């Protein structure tokens, strides 16, 4: 069974690498094209877009490095595996994306300040910058769909983060295309549309970054699984009439799988073999609910006997209370 899991993990890692390498090749090409188009086309928005694509390329490298680590099996120092390395990679991607968004905002806002407050004149962007933005939209949207489909099939948070990084590049390029196109077509007084587009796009980038980073931060801080998921676990245990009173339920995410710890009760005279079989059946039911890689720890306790209200027990309780 462990051999099958190991083989499956290796296959999953290879698929993630394949998807990431495709994205890296496209990003590397776009970085060069956008920087050249931004410089030749005198477009601040296109240069900002090029920086965004460069951040995409960097996050591709992060995904490859961290996914390789996260797929390592359990060892003496990592009893629960290395799954959180993938979560850490996703968090880093989110933070990089946030930094890119803030950088794009700062650059665009600076251009607007120089035009509106200082009265400086911006150079009119060229058509080469506009067509580079259009090409970026087409390539990155196709890359987004390719990556998001793969991320769902492989259940990879890092790939989901990378897919949204691609989509944020689409948002960036759409804003860039609109700004550059407006600056070219509407005349000299509208050249300010170029940096305005960069500022608007920066808000979309920052929003995506926060949406990616927050759940990863929660996981690294050991936040429990959602309340409805924990209720599903309790309901699943209720399907077994021989157990009762599930309590001390503790849950958390570890990368692309979950860990569940709980206590439950059985009759005190239950044979050990039957108690073991029942606990194993409950474990399998939870794994069927949350995934085969779920780590389940079950602690069995005897059913609490209600104290009898005969004269001796009442008398004994009285004596204790008087003392």
Foldseek 3Di string as FASTA:
>chain_A
DVVVVLVLLVVLLVLLLVLLVVLLVVLVVLLVLLCVLCVVQQFPLSPLLSVLSVLLNVLSVLQNVQSVQQSDAADPVRNLGNQLSLLVSLLVSLVSLLVSLVVLQVSLVVVVCCCPPVVDFGDQGDVSNLVSLVVLLVVLVVSLVVQVVSCVVSVALSSPSSSVSSVLSNLSSVLQNVLNVCSVPVDRVSNSSRSVSSNVSSVVSNVSSCVRNVVSVCQVVQNFDDPVLVVVLVVLLVVDPQKDDKDPWGKGDRNSFIEIEIEIEGAPPDDPVVVVVSVVVSVVSNCVSGHVSYHYHYHYDYDDDDDDPDPVVVVVVVVVVVD
